[in-house]
Full PDB file with SEQRES, HELIX, SHEET, SSBOND, CRYST1, ORIGX, SCALE, CONECT and MASTER records, all heavy atoms in Angstrom:
SEQRES   1 A   44  GLY GLU LEU VAL HIS ARG PRO SER GLY PRO ALA LEU HIS          
SEQRES   2 A   44  GLY ALA THR PHE VAL ILE HIS LYS LYS THR TRP ASN ARG          
SEQRES   3 A   44  LEU GLY GLY MET LYS THR LYS TYR THR THR GLY GLU ASP          
SEQRES   4 A   44  TYR ASP LEU GLY LEU                                          
HELIX    1 AA1 LYS A   21  LEU A   27  1                                   7    
HELIX    2 AA2 GLU A   38  GLY A   43  1                                   6    
CRYST1    1.000    1.000    1.000  90.00  90.00  90.00 P 1           1          
ORIGX1      1.000000  0.000000  0.000000        0.00000                         
ORIGX2      0.000000  1.000000  0.000000        0.00000                         
ORIGX3      0.000000  0.000000  1.000000        0.00000                         
SCALE1      1.000000  0.000000  0.000000        0.00000                         
SCALE2      0.000000  1.000000  0.000000        0.00000                         
SCALE3      0.000000  0.000000  1.000000        0.00000                         
ATOM      1  N   GLY A   1      -8.465  41.001 -97.583  1.00  0.00           N  
ATOM      2  CA  GLY A   1      -8.007  42.302 -97.116  1.00  0.00           C  
ATOM      3  C   GLY A   1      -7.016  42.253 -95.977  1.00  0.00           C  
ATOM      4  O   GLY A   1      -6.675  43.295 -95.392  1.00  0.00           O  
ATOM      5  N   GLU A   2      -6.528  41.067 -95.641  1.00  0.00           N  
ATOM      6  CA  GLU A   2      -5.610  40.913 -94.513  1.00  0.00           C  
ATOM      7  C   GLU A   2      -4.172  40.797 -95.005  1.00  0.00           C  
ATOM      8  O   GLU A   2      -3.917  40.442 -96.158  1.00  0.00           O  
ATOM      9  CB  GLU A   2      -5.977  39.667 -93.702  1.00  0.00           C  
ATOM     10  CG  GLU A   2      -7.365  39.730 -93.075  1.00  0.00           C  
ATOM     11  CD  GLU A   2      -7.714  38.455 -92.323  1.00  0.00           C  
ATOM     12  OE1 GLU A   2      -6.879  37.505 -92.349  1.00  0.00           O  
ATOM     13  OE2 GLU A   2      -8.798  38.393 -91.745  1.00  0.00           O  
ATOM     14  N   LEU A   3      -3.242  41.094 -94.102  1.00  0.00           N  
ATOM     15  CA  LEU A   3      -1.837  40.904 -94.435  1.00  0.00           C  
ATOM     16  C   LEU A   3      -1.562  39.420 -94.635  1.00  0.00           C  
ATOM     17  O   LEU A   3      -2.094  38.571 -93.911  1.00  0.00           O  
ATOM     18  CB  LEU A   3      -0.936  41.440 -93.320  1.00  0.00           C  
ATOM     19  CG  LEU A   3      -0.911  42.951 -93.101  1.00  0.00           C  
ATOM     20  CD1 LEU A   3       0.021  43.296 -91.937  1.00  0.00           C  
ATOM     21  CD2 LEU A   3      -0.461  43.686 -94.361  1.00  0.00           C  
ATOM     22  N   VAL A   4      -0.754  39.101 -95.642  1.00  0.00           N  
ATOM     23  CA  VAL A   4      -0.358  37.711 -95.863  1.00  0.00           C  
ATOM     24  C   VAL A   4       0.471  37.252 -94.679  1.00  0.00           C  
ATOM     25  O   VAL A   4       1.432  37.913 -94.286  1.00  0.00           O  
ATOM     26  CB  VAL A   4       0.448  37.572 -97.169  1.00  0.00           C  
ATOM     27  CG1 VAL A   4       0.951  36.143 -97.342  1.00  0.00           C  
ATOM     28  CG2 VAL A   4      -0.414  37.979 -98.360  1.00  0.00           C  
ATOM     29  N   HIS A   5       0.080  36.143 -94.105  1.00  0.00           N  
ATOM     30  CA  HIS A   5       0.695  35.697 -92.855  1.00  0.00           C  
ATOM     31  C   HIS A   5       2.156  35.326 -93.027  1.00  0.00           C  
ATOM     32  O   HIS A   5       2.533  34.606 -93.944  1.00  0.00           O  
ATOM     33  CB  HIS A   5      -0.052  34.484 -92.288  1.00  0.00           C  
ATOM     34  CG  HIS A   5       0.581  33.891 -91.067  1.00  0.00           C  
ATOM     35  ND1 HIS A   5       0.557  34.526 -89.848  1.00  0.00           N  
ATOM     36  CD2 HIS A   5       1.282  32.749 -90.886  1.00  0.00           C  
ATOM     37  CE1 HIS A   5       1.193  33.781 -88.951  1.00  0.00           C  
ATOM     38  NE2 HIS A   5       1.648  32.697 -89.561  1.00  0.00           N  
ATOM     39  N   ARG A   6       2.974  35.853 -92.142  1.00  0.00           N  
ATOM     40  CA  ARG A   6       4.354  35.442 -91.971  1.00  0.00           C  
ATOM     41  C   ARG A   6       4.674  35.567 -90.497  1.00  0.00           C  
ATOM     42  O   ARG A   6       4.144  36.450 -89.819  1.00  0.00           O  
ATOM     43  CB  ARG A   6       5.327  36.308 -92.775  1.00  0.00           C  
ATOM     44  CG  ARG A   6       5.451  35.933 -94.256  1.00  0.00           C  
ATOM     45  CD  ARG A   6       6.071  34.560 -94.427  1.00  0.00           C  
ATOM     46  NE  ARG A   6       6.309  34.219 -95.814  1.00  0.00           N  
ATOM     47  CZ  ARG A   6       5.423  33.648 -96.606  1.00  0.00           C  
ATOM     48  NH1 ARG A   6       4.218  33.378 -96.152  1.00  0.00           N  
ATOM     49  NH2 ARG A   6       5.712  33.349 -97.848  1.00  0.00           N  
ATOM     50  N   PRO A   7       5.532  34.698 -89.947  1.00  0.00           N  
ATOM     51  CA  PRO A   7       5.895  34.817 -88.541  1.00  0.00           C  
ATOM     52  C   PRO A   7       6.517  36.176 -88.247  1.00  0.00           C  
ATOM     53  O   PRO A   7       7.023  36.848 -89.151  1.00  0.00           O  
ATOM     54  CB  PRO A   7       6.924  33.691 -88.352  1.00  0.00           C  
ATOM     55  CG  PRO A   7       6.687  32.756 -89.487  1.00  0.00           C  
ATOM     56  CD  PRO A   7       6.218  33.598 -90.623  1.00  0.00           C  
ATOM     57  N   SER A   8       6.471  36.592 -86.986  1.00  0.00           N  
ATOM     58  CA  SER A   8       7.106  37.845 -86.611  1.00  0.00           C  
ATOM     59  C   SER A   8       8.604  37.748 -86.884  1.00  0.00           C  
ATOM     60  O   SER A   8       9.182  36.662 -86.879  1.00  0.00           O  
ATOM     61  CB  SER A   8       6.869  38.148 -85.134  1.00  0.00           C  
ATOM     62  OG  SER A   8       7.382  37.107 -84.319  1.00  0.00           O  
ATOM     63  N   GLY A   9       9.218  38.890 -87.134  1.00  0.00           N  
ATOM     64  CA  GLY A   9      10.634  38.893 -87.470  1.00  0.00           C  
ATOM     65  C   GLY A   9      10.822  39.010 -88.973  1.00  0.00           C  
ATOM     66  O   GLY A   9       9.870  39.152 -89.729  1.00  0.00           O  
ATOM     67  N   PRO A  10      12.048  38.908 -89.420  1.00  0.00           N  
ATOM     68  CA  PRO A  10      12.359  39.149 -90.841  1.00  0.00           C  
ATOM     69  C   PRO A  10      12.136  37.938 -91.739  1.00  0.00           C  
ATOM     70  O   PRO A  10      13.041  37.474 -92.426  1.00  0.00           O  
ATOM     71  CB  PRO A  10      13.837  39.542 -90.785  1.00  0.00           C  
ATOM     72  CG  PRO A  10      14.375  38.760 -89.627  1.00  0.00           C  
ATOM     73  CD  PRO A  10      13.259  38.721 -88.610  1.00  0.00           C  
ATOM     74  N   ALA A  11      10.912  37.369 -91.706  1.00  0.00           N  
ATOM     75  CA  ALA A  11      10.612  36.224 -92.577  1.00  0.00           C  
ATOM     76  C   ALA A  11      10.442  36.701 -94.010  1.00  0.00           C  
ATOM     77  O   ALA A  11       9.868  37.754 -94.261  1.00  0.00           O  
ATOM     78  CB  ALA A  11       9.362  35.506 -92.088  1.00  0.00           C  
ATOM     79  N   LEU A  12      10.933  35.917 -94.939  1.00  0.00           N  
ATOM     80  CA  LEU A  12      10.939  36.311 -96.346  1.00  0.00           C  
ATOM     81  C   LEU A  12       9.613  35.995 -97.024  1.00  0.00           C  
ATOM     82  O   LEU A  12       9.068  34.914 -96.872  1.00  0.00           O  
ATOM     83  CB  LEU A  12      12.075  35.575 -97.064  1.00  0.00           C  
ATOM     84  CG  LEU A  12      12.193  35.775 -98.585  1.00  0.00           C  
ATOM     85  CD1 LEU A  12      12.434  37.232 -98.923  1.00  0.00           C  
ATOM     86  CD2 LEU A  12      13.304  34.894 -99.146  1.00  0.00           C  
ATOM     87  N   HIS A  13       9.082  36.963 -97.792  1.00  0.00           N  
ATOM     88  CA  HIS A  13       7.944  36.744 -98.671  1.00  0.00           C  
ATOM     89  C   HIS A  13       8.496  36.361-100.042  1.00  0.00           C  
ATOM     90  O   HIS A  13       9.012  37.199-100.769  1.00  0.00           O  
ATOM     91  CB  HIS A  13       7.114  38.021 -98.811  1.00  0.00           C  
ATOM     92  CG  HIS A  13       6.106  38.227 -97.735  1.00  0.00           C  
ATOM     93  ND1 HIS A  13       5.091  37.330 -97.479  1.00  0.00           N  
ATOM     94  CD2 HIS A  13       5.942  39.232 -96.840  1.00  0.00           C  
ATOM     95  CE1 HIS A  13       4.343  37.774 -96.492  1.00  0.00           C  
ATOM     96  NE2 HIS A  13       4.843  38.920 -96.079  1.00  0.00           N  
ATOM     97  N   GLY A  14       8.385  35.100-100.419  1.00  0.00           N  
ATOM     98  CA  GLY A  14       8.908  34.671-101.713  1.00  0.00           C  
ATOM     99  C   GLY A  14       8.207  35.314-102.890  1.00  0.00           C  
ATOM    100  O   GLY A  14       8.778  35.418-103.971  1.00  0.00           O  
ATOM    101  N   ALA A  15       6.965  35.772-102.689  1.00  0.00           N  
ATOM    102  CA  ALA A  15       6.199  36.346-103.787  1.00  0.00           C  
ATOM    103  C   ALA A  15       6.662  37.737-104.179  1.00  0.00           C  
ATOM    104  O   ALA A  15       6.341  38.210-105.274  1.00  0.00           O  
ATOM    105  CB  ALA A  15       4.713  36.393-103.422  1.00  0.00           C  
ATOM    106  N   THR A  16       7.421  38.405-103.312  1.00  0.00           N  
ATOM    107  CA  THR A  16       7.918  39.754-103.593  1.00  0.00           C  
ATOM    108  C   THR A  16       9.174  40.002-102.763  1.00  0.00           C  
ATOM    109  O   THR A  16       9.082  40.180-101.547  1.00  0.00           O  
ATOM    110  CB  THR A  16       6.869  40.832-103.235  1.00  0.00           C  
ATOM    111  OG1 THR A  16       5.634  40.549-103.894  1.00  0.00           O  
ATOM    112  CG2 THR A  16       7.346  42.219-103.643  1.00  0.00           C  
ATOM    113  N   PHE A  17      10.341  39.993-103.412  1.00  0.00           N  
ATOM    114  CA  PHE A  17      11.560  40.334-102.682  1.00  0.00           C  
ATOM    115  C   PHE A  17      12.634  40.834-103.637  1.00  0.00           C  
ATOM    116  O   PHE A  17      12.574  40.610-104.847  1.00  0.00           O  
ATOM    117  CB  PHE A  17      12.072  39.149-101.847  1.00  0.00           C  
ATOM    118  CG  PHE A  17      12.601  37.972-102.620  1.00  0.00           C  
ATOM    119  CD1 PHE A  17      13.962  37.835-102.872  1.00  0.00           C  
ATOM    120  CD2 PHE A  17      11.746  36.985-103.074  1.00  0.00           C  
ATOM    121  CE1 PHE A  17      14.461  36.739-103.561  1.00  0.00           C  
ATOM    122  CE2 PHE A  17      12.232  35.875-103.771  1.00  0.00           C  
ATOM    123  CZ  PHE A  17      13.594  35.754-104.012  1.00  0.00           C  
ATOM    124  N   VAL A  18      13.614  41.539-103.071  1.00  0.00           N  
ATOM    125  CA  VAL A  18      14.692  42.155-103.834  1.00  0.00           C  
ATOM    126  C   VAL A  18      16.029  41.628-103.319  1.00  0.00           C  
ATOM    127  O   VAL A  18      16.222  41.487-102.101  1.00  0.00           O  
ATOM    128  CB  VAL A  18      14.672  43.698-103.702  1.00  0.00           C  
ATOM    129  CG1 VAL A  18      15.670  44.336-104.666  1.00  0.00           C  
ATOM    130  CG2 VAL A  18      13.277  44.250-103.931  1.00  0.00           C  
ATOM    131  N   ILE A  19      16.949  41.361-104.236  1.00  0.00           N  
ATOM    132  CA  ILE A  19      18.254  40.828-103.859  1.00  0.00           C  
ATOM    133  C   ILE A  19      19.263  41.178-104.954  1.00  0.00           C  
ATOM    134  O   ILE A  19      18.918  41.234-106.137  1.00  0.00           O  
ATOM    135  CB  ILE A  19      18.165  39.286-103.661  1.00  0.00           C  
ATOM    136  CG1 ILE A  19      19.481  38.705-103.148  1.00  0.00           C  
ATOM    137  CG2 ILE A  19      17.725  38.596-104.956  1.00  0.00           C  
ATOM    138  CD1 ILE A  19      19.366  37.221-102.752  1.00  0.00           C  
ATOM    139  N   HIS A  20      20.509  41.458-104.569  1.00  0.00           N  
ATOM    140  CA  HIS A  20      21.560  41.640-105.566  1.00  0.00           C  
ATOM    141  C   HIS A  20      21.820  40.293-106.257  1.00  0.00           C  
ATOM    142  O   HIS A  20      21.811  39.239-105.609  1.00  0.00           O  
ATOM    143  CB  HIS A  20      22.859  42.126-104.919  1.00  0.00           C  
ATOM    144  CG  HIS A  20      22.838  43.574-104.550  1.00  0.00           C  
ATOM    145  ND1 HIS A  20      22.666  44.001-103.252  1.00  0.00           N  
ATOM    146  CD2 HIS A  20      22.972  44.694-105.305  1.00  0.00           C  
ATOM    147  CE1 HIS A  20      22.697  45.332-103.227  1.00  0.00           C  
ATOM    148  NE2 HIS A  20      22.862  45.767-104.458  1.00  0.00           N  
ATOM    149  N   LYS A  21      22.075  40.325-107.538  1.00  0.00           N  
ATOM    150  CA  LYS A  21      22.324  39.067-108.250  1.00  0.00           C  
ATOM    151  C   LYS A  21      23.575  38.379-107.712  1.00  0.00           C  
ATOM    152  O   LYS A  21      23.617  37.151-107.620  1.00  0.00           O  
ATOM    153  CB  LYS A  21      22.450  39.297-109.750  1.00  0.00           C  
ATOM    154  CG  LYS A  21      22.675  37.979-110.497  1.00  0.00           C  
ATOM    155  CD  LYS A  21      22.347  38.018-111.959  1.00  0.00           C  
ATOM    156  CE  LYS A  21      22.478  36.620-112.556  1.00  0.00           C  
ATOM    157  NZ  LYS A  21      22.125  36.564-113.979  1.00  0.00           N  
ATOM    158  N   LYS A  22      24.588  39.141-107.332  1.00  0.00           N  
ATOM    159  CA  LYS A  22      25.800  38.508-106.805  1.00  0.00           C  
ATOM    160  C   LYS A  22      25.501  37.770-105.501  1.00  0.00           C  
ATOM    161  O   LYS A  22      26.070  36.698-105.236  1.00  0.00           O  
ATOM    162  CB  LYS A  22      26.903  39.544-106.610  1.00  0.00           C  
ATOM    163  CG  LYS A  22      26.606  40.642-105.605  1.00  0.00           C  
ATOM    164  CD  LYS A  22      27.755  41.629-105.516  1.00  0.00           C  
ATOM    165  CE  LYS A  22      27.468  42.733-104.501  1.00  0.00           C  
ATOM    166  NZ  LYS A  22      28.576  43.720-104.418  1.00  0.00           N  
ATOM    167  N   THR A  23      24.587  38.323-104.699  1.00  0.00           N  
ATOM    168  CA  THR A  23      24.188  37.644-103.464  1.00  0.00           C  
ATOM    169  C   THR A  23      23.396  36.388-103.786  1.00  0.00           C  
ATOM    170  O   THR A  23      23.614  35.329-103.182  1.00  0.00           O  
ATOM    171  CB  THR A  23      23.352  38.586-102.580  1.00  0.00           C  
ATOM    172  OG1 THR A  23      24.068  39.800-102.353  1.00  0.00           O  
ATOM    173  CG2 THR A  23      23.021  37.937-101.251  1.00  0.00           C  
ATOM    174  N   TRP A  24      22.469  36.517-104.729  1.00  0.00           N  
ATOM    175  CA  TRP A  24      21.678  35.367-105.185  1.00  0.00           C  
ATOM    176  C   TRP A  24      22.588  34.239-105.660  1.00  0.00           C  
ATOM    177  O   TRP A  24      22.398  33.074-105.305  1.00  0.00           O  
ATOM    178  CB  TRP A  24      20.748  35.820-106.299  1.00  0.00           C  
ATOM    179  CG  TRP A  24      19.954  34.771-106.993  1.00  0.00           C  
ATOM    180  CD1 TRP A  24      20.243  34.196-108.202  1.00  0.00           C  
ATOM    181  CD2 TRP A  24      18.729  34.176-106.551  1.00  0.00           C  
ATOM    182  NE1 TRP A  24      19.272  33.289-108.543  1.00  0.00           N  
ATOM    183  CE2 TRP A  24      18.326  33.256-107.547  1.00  0.00           C  
ATOM    184  CE3 TRP A  24      17.926  34.343-105.420  1.00  0.00           C  
ATOM    185  CZ2 TRP A  24      17.160  32.497-107.440  1.00  0.00           C  
ATOM    186  CZ3 TRP A  24      16.762  33.588-105.307  1.00  0.00           C  
ATOM    187  CH2 TRP A  24      16.403  32.681-106.302  1.00  0.00           C  
ATOM    188  N   ASN A  25      23.589  34.584-106.441  1.00  0.00           N  
ATOM    189  CA  ASN A  25      24.508  33.571-106.960  1.00  0.00           C  
ATOM    190  C   ASN A  25      25.341  32.945-105.850  1.00  0.00           C  
ATOM    191  O   ASN A  25      25.591  31.733-105.855  1.00  0.00           O  
ATOM    192  CB  ASN A  25      25.419  34.184-108.023  1.00  0.00           C  
ATOM    193  CG  ASN A  25      24.685  34.493-109.318  1.00  0.00           C  
ATOM    194  OD1 ASN A  25      23.634  33.927-109.592  1.00  0.00           O  
ATOM    195  ND2 ASN A  25      25.240  35.389-110.115  1.00  0.00           N  
ATOM    196  N   ARG A  26      25.799  33.760-104.913  1.00  0.00           N  
ATOM    197  CA  ARG A  26      26.602  33.229-103.808  1.00  0.00           C  
ATOM    198  C   ARG A  26      25.800  32.249-102.952  1.00  0.00           C  
ATOM    199  O   ARG A  26      26.354  31.272-102.435  1.00  0.00           O  
ATOM    200  CB  ARG A  26      27.116  34.380-102.942  1.00  0.00           C  
ATOM    201  CG  ARG A  26      28.230  35.206-103.581  1.00  0.00           C  
ATOM    202  CD  ARG A  26      28.518  36.440-102.755  1.00  0.00           C  
ATOM    203  NE  ARG A  26      29.513  37.308-103.404  1.00  0.00           N  
ATOM    204  CZ  ARG A  26      29.726  38.574-103.066  1.00  0.00           C  
ATOM    205  NH1 ARG A  26      29.015  39.126-102.082  1.00  0.00           N  
ATOM    206  NH2 ARG A  26      30.646  39.281-103.695  1.00  0.00           N  
ATOM    207  N   LEU A  27      24.505  32.524-102.805  1.00  0.00           N  
ATOM    208  CA  LEU A  27      23.644  31.641-102.018  1.00  0.00           C  
ATOM    209  C   LEU A  27      23.189  30.429-102.820  1.00  0.00           C  
ATOM    210  O   LEU A  27      22.623  29.491-102.262  1.00  0.00           O  
ATOM    211  CB  LEU A  27      22.421  32.412-101.512  1.00  0.00           C  
ATOM    212  CG  LEU A  27      22.699  33.505-100.484  1.00  0.00           C  
ATOM    213  CD1 LEU A  27      21.438  34.321-100.221  1.00  0.00           C  
ATOM    214  CD2 LEU A  27      23.220  32.906 -99.176  1.00  0.00           C  
ATOM    215  N   GLY A  28      23.436  30.459-104.129  1.00  0.00           N  
ATOM    216  CA  GLY A  28      23.038  29.332-104.972  1.00  0.00           C  
ATOM    217  C   GLY A  28      21.559  29.303-105.293  1.00  0.00           C  
ATOM    218  O   GLY A  28      21.011  28.238-105.618  1.00  0.00           O  
ATOM    219  N   GLY A  29      20.916  30.479-105.220  1.00  0.00           N  
ATOM    220  CA  GLY A  29      19.486  30.532-105.509  1.00  0.00           C  
ATOM    221  C   GLY A  29      18.686  29.765-104.481  1.00  0.00           C  
ATOM    222  O   GLY A  29      19.072  29.650-103.313  1.00  0.00           O  
ATOM    223  N   MET A  30      17.558  29.219-104.917  1.00  0.00           N  
ATOM    224  CA  MET A  30      16.687  28.466-104.021  1.00  0.00           C  
ATOM    225  C   MET A  30      16.923  26.969-104.155  1.00  0.00           C  
ATOM    226  O   MET A  30      17.357  26.490-105.205  1.00  0.00           O  
ATOM    227  CB  MET A  30      15.217  28.791-104.312  1.00  0.00           C  
ATOM    228  CG  MET A  30      14.807  30.182-103.889  1.00  0.00           C  
ATOM    229  SD  MET A  30      13.035  30.478-104.097  1.00  0.00           S  
ATOM    230  CE  MET A  30      12.845  31.926-103.040  1.00  0.00           C  
ATOM    231  N   LYS A  31      16.637  26.242-103.095  1.00  0.00           N  
ATOM    232  CA  LYS A  31      16.770  24.790-103.093  1.00  0.00           C  
ATOM    233  C   LYS A  31      15.545  24.170-103.772  1.00  0.00           C  
ATOM    234  O   LYS A  31      14.428  24.256-103.267  1.00  0.00           O  
ATOM    235  CB  LYS A  31      16.902  24.267-101.664  1.00  0.00           C  
ATOM    236  CG  LYS A  31      18.131  24.786-100.915  1.00  0.00           C  
ATOM    237  CD  LYS A  31      19.421  24.304-101.551  1.00  0.00           C  
ATOM    238  CE  LYS A  31      20.630  24.716-100.725  1.00  0.00           C  
ATOM    239  NZ  LYS A  31      21.904  24.337-101.367  1.00  0.00           N  
ATOM    240  N   THR A  32      15.770  23.547-104.916  1.00  0.00           N  
ATOM    241  CA  THR A  32      14.648  23.046-105.713  1.00  0.00           C  
ATOM    242  C   THR A  32      14.002  21.789-105.121  1.00  0.00           C  
ATOM    243  O   THR A  32      12.945  21.375-105.592  1.00  0.00           O  
ATOM    244  CB  THR A  32      15.104  22.750-107.146  1.00  0.00           C  
ATOM    245  OG1 THR A  32      16.173  21.794-107.127  1.00  0.00           O  
ATOM    246  CG2 THR A  32      15.599  24.023-107.821  1.00  0.00           C  
ATOM    247  N   LYS A  33      14.599  21.221-104.106  1.00  0.00           N  
ATOM    248  CA  LYS A  33      13.987  20.048-103.474  1.00  0.00           C  
ATOM    249  C   LYS A  33      12.763  20.429-102.661  1.00  0.00           C  
ATOM    250  O   LYS A  33      11.945  19.564-102.318  1.00  0.00           O  
ATOM    251  CB  LYS A  33      14.997  19.322-102.584  1.00  0.00           C  
ATOM    252  CG  LYS A  33      15.473  20.130-101.379  1.00  0.00           C  
ATOM    253  CD  LYS A  33      16.485  19.344-100.555  1.00  0.00           C  
ATOM    254  CE  LYS A  33      16.990  20.151 -99.338  1.00  0.00           C  
ATOM    255  NZ  LYS A  33      17.975  19.373 -98.560  1.00  0.00           N  
ATOM    256  N   TYR A  34      12.625  21.719-102.353  1.00  0.00           N  
ATOM    257  CA  TYR A  34      11.485  22.172-101.572  1.00  0.00           C  
ATOM    258  C   TYR A  34      10.353  22.612-102.490  1.00  0.00           C  
ATOM    259  O   TYR A  34      10.529  23.497-103.321  1.00  0.00           O  
ATOM    260  CB  TYR A  34      11.873  23.337-100.661  1.00  0.00           C  
ATOM    261  CG  TYR A  34      12.910  22.989 -99.622  1.00  0.00           C  
ATOM    262  CD1 TYR A  34      14.110  23.691 -99.551  1.00  0.00           C  
ATOM    263  CD2 TYR A  34      12.693  21.959 -98.716  1.00  0.00           C  
ATOM    264  CE1 TYR A  34      15.067  23.377 -98.595  1.00  0.00           C  
ATOM    265  CE2 TYR A  34      13.644  21.627 -97.764  1.00  0.00           C  
ATOM    266  CZ  TYR A  34      14.829  22.342 -97.712  1.00  0.00           C  
ATOM    267  OH  TYR A  34      15.774  22.028 -96.772  1.00  0.00           O  
ATOM    268  N   THR A  35       9.168  22.005-102.323  1.00  0.00           N  
ATOM    269  CA  THR A  35       7.991  22.428-103.067  1.00  0.00           C  
ATOM    270  C   THR A  35       7.235  23.519-102.331  1.00  0.00           C  
ATOM    271  O   THR A  35       6.355  24.160-102.901  1.00  0.00           O  
ATOM    272  CB  THR A  35       7.051  21.244-103.333  1.00  0.00           C  
ATOM    273  OG1 THR A  35       6.672  20.660-102.076  1.00  0.00           O  
ATOM    274  CG2 THR A  35       7.743  20.199-104.190  1.00  0.00           C  
ATOM    275  N   THR A  36       7.547  23.746-101.086  1.00  0.00           N  
ATOM    276  CA  THR A  36       7.019  24.841-100.300  1.00  0.00           C  
ATOM    277  C   THR A  36       8.056  25.192 -99.241  1.00  0.00           C  
ATOM    278  O   THR A  36       8.899  24.361 -98.880  1.00  0.00           O  
ATOM    279  CB  THR A  36       5.677  24.466 -99.635  1.00  0.00           C  
ATOM    280  OG1 THR A  36       5.118  25.622 -99.008  1.00  0.00           O  
ATOM    281  CG2 THR A  36       5.860  23.374 -98.598  1.00  0.00           C  
ATOM    282  N   GLY A  37       8.029  26.430 -98.773  1.00  0.00           N  
ATOM    283  CA  GLY A  37       9.002  26.837 -97.769  1.00  0.00           C  
ATOM    284  C   GLY A  37      10.366  27.170 -98.341  1.00  0.00           C  
ATOM    285  O   GLY A  37      11.318  27.405 -97.586  1.00  0.00           O  
ATOM    286  N   GLU A  38      10.468  27.207 -99.677  1.00  0.00           N  
ATOM    287  CA  GLU A  38      11.765  27.517-100.287  1.00  0.00           C  
ATOM    288  C   GLU A  38      12.209  28.939 -99.966  1.00  0.00           C  
ATOM    289  O   GLU A  38      13.407  29.226 -99.916  1.00  0.00           O  
ATOM    290  CB  GLU A  38      11.682  27.310-101.809  1.00  0.00           C  
ATOM    291  CG  GLU A  38      10.885  28.345-102.593  1.00  0.00           C  
ATOM    292  CD  GLU A  38       9.395  28.274-102.401  1.00  0.00           C  
ATOM    293  OE1 GLU A  38       8.899  27.202-102.006  1.00  0.00           O  
ATOM    294  OE2 GLU A  38       8.727  29.295-102.672  1.00  0.00           O  
ATOM    295  N   ASP A  39      11.241  29.837 -99.731  1.00  0.00           N  
ATOM    296  CA  ASP A  39      11.585  31.210 -99.377  1.00  0.00           C  
ATOM    297  C   ASP A  39      12.120  31.290 -97.953  1.00  0.00           C  
ATOM    298  O   ASP A  39      13.083  32.021 -97.681  1.00  0.00           O  
ATOM    299  CB  ASP A  39      10.387  32.150 -99.568  1.00  0.00           C  
ATOM    300  CG  ASP A  39       9.092  31.608 -98.992  1.00  0.00           C  
ATOM    301  OD1 ASP A  39       9.081  30.484 -98.450  1.00  0.00           O  
ATOM    302  OD2 ASP A  39       8.065  32.319 -99.093  1.00  0.00           O  
ATOM    303  N   TYR A  40      11.513  30.538 -97.027  1.00  0.00           N  
ATOM    304  CA  TYR A  40      12.033  30.488 -95.666  1.00  0.00           C  
ATOM    305  C   TYR A  40      13.472  29.985 -95.656  1.00  0.00           C  
ATOM    306  O   TYR A  40      14.337  30.521 -94.967  1.00  0.00           O  
ATOM    307  CB  TYR A  40      11.175  29.567 -94.789  1.00  0.00           C  
ATOM    308  CG  TYR A  40       9.835  30.122 -94.408  1.00  0.00           C  
ATOM    309  CD1 TYR A  40       8.696  29.799 -95.128  1.00  0.00           C  
ATOM    310  CD2 TYR A  40       9.696  30.969 -93.304  1.00  0.00           C  
ATOM    311  CE1 TYR A  40       7.464  30.304 -94.782  1.00  0.00           C  
ATOM    312  CE2 TYR A  40       8.461  31.474 -92.937  1.00  0.00           C  
ATOM    313  CZ  TYR A  40       7.344  31.139 -93.678  1.00  0.00           C  
ATOM    314  OH  TYR A  40       6.117  31.639 -93.339  1.00  0.00           O  
ATOM    315  N   ASP A  41      13.710  28.924 -96.412  1.00  0.00           N  
ATOM    316  CA  ASP A  41      15.051  28.339 -96.468  1.00  0.00           C  
ATOM    317  C   ASP A  41      16.076  29.346 -96.995  1.00  0.00           C  
ATOM    318  O   ASP A  41      17.173  29.468 -96.439  1.00  0.00           O  
ATOM    319  CB  ASP A  41      15.031  27.101 -97.360  1.00  0.00           C  
ATOM    320  CG  ASP A  41      16.425  26.552 -97.615  1.00  0.00           C  
ATOM    321  OD1 ASP A  41      17.016  25.958 -96.693  1.00  0.00           O  
ATOM    322  OD2 ASP A  41      16.931  26.751 -98.740  1.00  0.00           O  
ATOM    323  N   LEU A  42      15.714  30.072 -98.056  1.00  0.00           N  
ATOM    324  CA  LEU A  42      16.637  31.062 -98.604  1.00  0.00           C  
ATOM    325  C   LEU A  42      16.956  32.129 -97.564  1.00  0.00           C  
ATOM    326  O   LEU A  42      18.122  32.527 -97.398  1.00  0.00           O  
ATOM    327  CB  LEU A  42      16.031  31.720 -99.851  1.00  0.00           C  
ATOM    328  CG  LEU A  42      16.873  32.827-100.483  1.00  0.00           C  
ATOM    329  CD1 LEU A  42      18.174  32.267-101.052  1.00  0.00           C  
ATOM    330  CD2 LEU A  42      16.082  33.542-101.586  1.00  0.00           C  
ATOM    331  N   GLY A  43      15.940  32.592 -96.862  1.00  0.00           N  
ATOM    332  CA  GLY A  43      16.164  33.605 -95.840  1.00  0.00           C  
ATOM    333  C   GLY A  43      17.076  33.118 -94.729  1.00  0.00           C  
ATOM    334  O   GLY A  43      17.986  33.840 -94.291  1.00  0.00           O  
ATOM    335  N   LEU A  44      16.860  31.889 -94.281  1.00  0.00           N  
ATOM    336  CA  LEU A  44      17.701  31.331 -93.221  1.00  0.00           C  
ATOM    337  C   LEU A  44      19.145  31.176 -93.679  1.00  0.00           C  
ATOM    338  O   LEU A  44      20.089  31.498 -92.944  1.00  0.00           O  
ATOM    339  CB  LEU A  44      17.142  29.974 -92.773  1.00  0.00           C  
ATOM    340  CG  LEU A  44      15.840  30.009 -91.979  1.00  0.00           C  
ATOM    341  CD1 LEU A  44      15.314  28.592 -91.766  1.00  0.00           C  
ATOM    342  CD2 LEU A  44      16.050  30.703 -90.635  1.00  0.00           C  
TER     343      LEU A  44                                                      
MASTER        0    0    0    2    0    0    0    6  342    1    0    4          
END                                                                             
């Protein structure tokens, strides 16, 4: 029943997020070398 933990500030929840496809493409999607933290990396 608790909020899923994320640091204060605009940290990305990889399990639920919205993005324009053109932005997604410009960023190159997610870095597949990361098995965890790939959402943090995309946000940064």
